Amino acid sequence: MVFTQAQIALFFTADDQMAIPEATRQQLALEGISSVGDLSEFDKEGLKQIANNLQRTGRRIPDPANVGATIPAVPFVFGTKSYVVAACELSRYYETVGRPMTPTNIRWTGAIKSFVPH
């Protein structure tokens, strides 16, 4: 089954899923994670690098107190949460066994949480 754009957005942003803020999700697409299937390409170290990149974007925004000046923008919010790592592991597992990912079998309350190291 192919994920719709709405299902992809919910997977990444819903509080009962990955709980990633929308602005961060959009930036993740620039880092190479724009769909659920892209998770199979990343491991814990890769996610740490992405989190590092999101913290050090170098973005600047207009300074509201000083016209014409800029200030550093707040970094994107993306912790290396164990459930994102687990989602990557599950994605690789499904790819290895040839099982397609669906919105149902990639739910946190279903399969993902069983891939979290204890």
C-alpha atoms as a PDB file:
ATOM      1  CA  MET A   1       0.000   0.000   0.000  1.00  0.00           C
ATOM      2  CA  VAL A   2       1.230   3.472  -0.834  1.00  0.00           C
ATOM      3  CA  PHE A   3       1.073   6.053   1.926  1.00  0.00           C
ATOM      4  CA  THR A   4      -0.874   9.229   1.189  1.00  0.00           C
ATOM      5  CA  GLN A   5       0.739  12.568   1.993  1.00  0.00           C
ATOM      6  CA  ALA A   6      -1.681  12.935   4.915  1.00  0.00           C
ATOM      7  CA  GLN A   7      -0.690   9.511   6.311  1.00  0.00           C
ATOM      8  CA  ILE A   8       3.006  10.376   5.991  1.00  0.00           C
ATOM      9  CA  ALA A   9       2.473  13.679   7.772  1.00  0.00           C
ATOM     10  CA  LEU A  10       0.538  11.966  10.580  1.00  0.00           C
ATOM     11  CA  PHE A  11       3.174   9.267  10.987  1.00  0.00           C
ATOM     12  CA  PHE A  12       5.872  11.861  11.601  1.00  0.00           C
ATOM     13  CA  THR A  13       3.873  14.524  13.488  1.00  0.00           C
ATOM     14  CA  ALA A  14       1.120  12.786  15.474  1.00  0.00           C
ATOM     15  CA  ASP A  15       1.678  12.736  19.234  1.00  0.00           C
ATOM     16  CA  ASP A  16       1.008   8.982  19.341  1.00  0.00           C
ATOM     17  CA  GLN A  17       3.561   8.356  16.601  1.00  0.00           C
ATOM     18  CA  MET A  18       6.925  10.112  16.078  1.00  0.00           C
ATOM     19  CA  ALA A  19       5.718  13.493  17.512  1.00  0.00           C
ATOM     20  CA  ILE A  20       8.059  15.538  15.305  1.00  0.00           C
ATOM     21  CA  PRO A  21       7.061  19.196  14.835  1.00  0.00           C
ATOM     22  CA  GLU A  22       5.913  20.070  11.301  1.00  0.00           C
ATOM     23  CA  ALA A  23       8.781  22.515  10.679  1.00  0.00           C
ATOM     24  CA  THR A  24      11.247  19.784  11.628  1.00  0.00           C
ATOM     25  CA  ARG A  25       9.465  17.273   9.383  1.00  0.00           C
ATOM     26  CA  GLN A  26       9.889  19.633   6.460  1.00  0.00           C
ATOM     27  CA  GLN A  27      13.585  20.011   7.261  1.00  0.00           C
ATOM     28  CA  LEU A  28      13.934  16.225   7.565  1.00  0.00           C
ATOM     29  CA  ALA A  29      12.860  15.986   3.930  1.00  0.00           C
ATOM     30  CA  LEU A  30      15.933  18.053   3.048  1.00  0.00           C
ATOM     31  CA  GLU A  31      18.026  15.578   5.069  1.00  0.00           C
ATOM     32  CA  GLY A  32      16.646  12.649   3.073  1.00  0.00           C
ATOM     33  CA  ILE A  33      13.672  11.522   5.147  1.00  0.00           C
ATOM     34  CA  SER A  34      10.495  12.507   3.357  1.00  0.00           C
ATOM     35  CA  SER A  35       8.586   9.220   3.491  1.00  0.00           C
ATOM     36  CA  VAL A  36       8.200   6.334   5.890  1.00  0.00           C
ATOM     37  CA  GLY A  37      10.214   4.105   3.546  1.00  0.00           C
ATOM     38  CA  ASP A  38      13.203   6.449   3.765  1.00  0.00           C
ATOM     39  CA  LEU A  39      13.702   5.383   7.387  1.00  0.00           C
ATOM     40  CA  SER A  40      15.281   2.102   6.265  1.00  0.00           C
ATOM     41  CA  GLU A  41      18.314   4.058   5.053  1.00  0.00           C
ATOM     42  CA  PHE A  42      19.166   5.403   8.515  1.00  0.00           C
ATOM     43  CA  ASP A  43      20.564   3.869  11.688  1.00  0.00           C
ATOM     44  CA  LYS A  44      21.175   5.334  15.140  1.00  0.00           C
ATOM     45  CA  GLU A  45      24.403   7.045  14.046  1.00  0.00           C
ATOM     46  CA  GLY A  46      22.739   8.488  10.957  1.00  0.00           C
ATOM     47  CA  LEU A  47      19.920   9.872  13.092  1.00  0.00           C
ATOM     48  CA  LYS A  48      22.446  11.420  15.478  1.00  0.00           C
ATOM     49  CA  GLN A  49      24.039  13.173  12.506  1.00  0.00           C
ATOM     50  CA  ILE A  50      20.660  14.442  11.350  1.00  0.00           C
ATOM     51  CA  ALA A  51      19.872  15.699  14.860  1.00  0.00           C
ATOM     52  CA  ASN A  52      23.234  17.461  14.887  1.00  0.00           C
ATOM     53  CA  ASN A  53      22.512  19.031  11.489  1.00  0.00           C
ATOM     54  CA  LEU A  54      19.118  20.238  12.691  1.00  0.00           C
ATOM     55  CA  GLN A  55      20.727  21.906  15.711  1.00  0.00           C
ATOM     56  CA  ARG A  56      23.356  23.691  13.609  1.00  0.00           C
ATOM     57  CA  THR A  57      21.494  25.014  10.603  1.00  0.00           C
ATOM     58  CA  GLY A  58      23.045  28.477  10.702  1.00  0.00           C
ATOM     59  CA  ARG A  59      19.599  29.907   9.959  1.00  0.00           C
ATOM     60  CA  ARG A  60      19.011  33.505  10.870  1.00  0.00           C
ATOM     61  CA  ILE A  61      15.777  35.447  11.215  1.00  0.00           C
ATOM     62  CA  PRO A  62      15.041  39.176  11.337  1.00  0.00           C
ATOM     63  CA  ASP A  63      15.717  40.756  14.727  1.00  0.00           C
ATOM     64  CA  PRO A  64      12.399  42.236  15.892  1.00  0.00           C
ATOM     65  CA  ALA A  65      14.249  44.755  18.075  1.00  0.00           C
ATOM     66  CA  ASN A  66      16.639  45.985  15.406  1.00  0.00           C
ATOM     67  CA  VAL A  67      15.392  46.652  11.879  1.00  0.00           C
ATOM     68  CA  GLY A  68      17.763  45.267   9.266  1.00  0.00           C
ATOM     69  CA  ALA A  69      19.613  43.032  11.729  1.00  0.00           C
ATOM     70  CA  THR A  70      19.282  39.284  12.160  1.00  0.00           C
ATOM     71  CA  ILE A  71      19.535  36.879  15.054  1.00  0.00           C
ATOM     72  CA  PRO A  72      20.140  33.106  15.136  1.00  0.00           C
ATOM     73  CA  ALA A  73      16.950  31.107  14.588  1.00  0.00           C
ATOM     74  CA  VAL A  74      15.815  28.572  17.149  1.00  0.00           C
ATOM     75  CA  PRO A  75      17.121  25.109  16.146  1.00  0.00           C
ATOM     76  CA  PHE A  76      14.723  22.526  14.799  1.00  0.00           C
ATOM     77  CA  VAL A  77      13.345  20.201  17.475  1.00  0.00           C
ATOM     78  CA  PHE A  78      14.424  16.609  16.877  1.00  0.00           C
ATOM     79  CA  GLY A  79      15.639  14.394  19.666  1.00  0.00           C
ATOM     80  CA  THR A  80      17.236  11.069  18.889  1.00  0.00           C
ATOM     81  CA  LYS A  81      14.273   9.380  20.500  1.00  0.00           C
ATOM     82  CA  SER A  82      14.412   5.625  20.739  1.00  0.00           C
ATOM     83  CA  TYR A  83      11.134   5.268  18.845  1.00  0.00           C
ATOM     84  CA  VAL A  84      12.547   7.001  15.752  1.00  0.00           C
ATOM     85  CA  VAL A  85      15.489   4.584  15.872  1.00  0.00           C
ATOM     86  CA  ALA A  86      13.006   1.719  16.363  1.00  0.00           C
ATOM     87  CA  ALA A  87      10.968   2.909  13.365  1.00  0.00           C
ATOM     88  CA  CYS A  88      14.147   2.785  11.268  1.00  0.00           C
ATOM     89  CA  GLU A  89      14.852  -0.759  12.489  1.00  0.00           C
ATOM     90  CA  LEU A  90      11.308  -1.870  11.710  1.00  0.00           C
ATOM     91  CA  SER A  91      11.487  -0.285   8.273  1.00  0.00           C
ATOM     92  CA  ARG A  92      14.694  -2.212   7.515  1.00  0.00           C
ATOM     93  CA  TYR A  93      13.101  -5.412   8.816  1.00  0.00           C
ATOM     94  CA  TYR A  94      10.079  -5.033   6.541  1.00  0.00           C
ATOM     95  CA  GLU A  95      12.389  -4.316   3.617  1.00  0.00           C
ATOM     96  CA  THR A  96      14.497  -7.408   4.386  1.00  0.00           C
ATOM     97  CA  VAL A  97      11.550  -9.797   4.639  1.00  0.00           C
ATOM     98  CA  GLY A  98       9.751  -8.227   1.692  1.00  0.00           C
ATOM     99  CA  ARG A  99       6.731  -7.076   3.646  1.00  0.00           C
ATOM    100  CA  PRO A 100       5.247  -3.762   2.536  1.00  0.00           C
ATOM    101  CA  MET A 101       4.820  -1.086   5.163  1.00  0.00           C
ATOM    102  CA  THR A 102       1.311   0.163   5.709  1.00  0.00           C
ATOM    103  CA  PRO A 103      -0.109   2.829   7.998  1.00  0.00           C
ATOM    104  CA  THR A 104      -1.398  -0.012  10.190  1.00  0.00           C
ATOM    105  CA  ASN A 105       1.780  -2.072  10.559  1.00  0.00           C
ATOM    106  CA  ILE A 106       4.032   0.922  11.209  1.00  0.00           C
ATOM    107  CA  ARG A 107       2.069   2.204  14.216  1.00  0.00           C
ATOM    108  CA  TRP A 108       3.919   2.903  17.463  1.00  0.00           C
ATOM    109  CA  THR A 109       1.334   0.997  19.484  1.00  0.00           C
ATOM    110  CA  GLY A 110       1.701  -1.972  17.178  1.00  0.00           C
ATOM    111  CA  ALA A 111       5.029  -3.090  15.821  1.00  0.00           C
ATOM    112  CA  ILE A 112       7.406  -0.179  16.405  1.00  0.00           C
ATOM    113  CA  LYS A 113       7.524  -0.379  20.173  1.00  0.00           C
ATOM    114  CA  SER A 114       8.618  -4.014  19.985  1.00  0.00           C
ATOM    115  CA  PHE A 115      11.802  -2.810  18.221  1.00  0.00           C
ATOM    116  CA  VAL A 116      12.804  -0.484  21.080  1.00  0.00           C
ATOM    117  CA  PRO A 117      15.854  -1.872  22.932  1.00  0.00           C
ATOM    118  CA  HIS A 118      15.057  -2.693  26.546  1.00  0.00           C
END
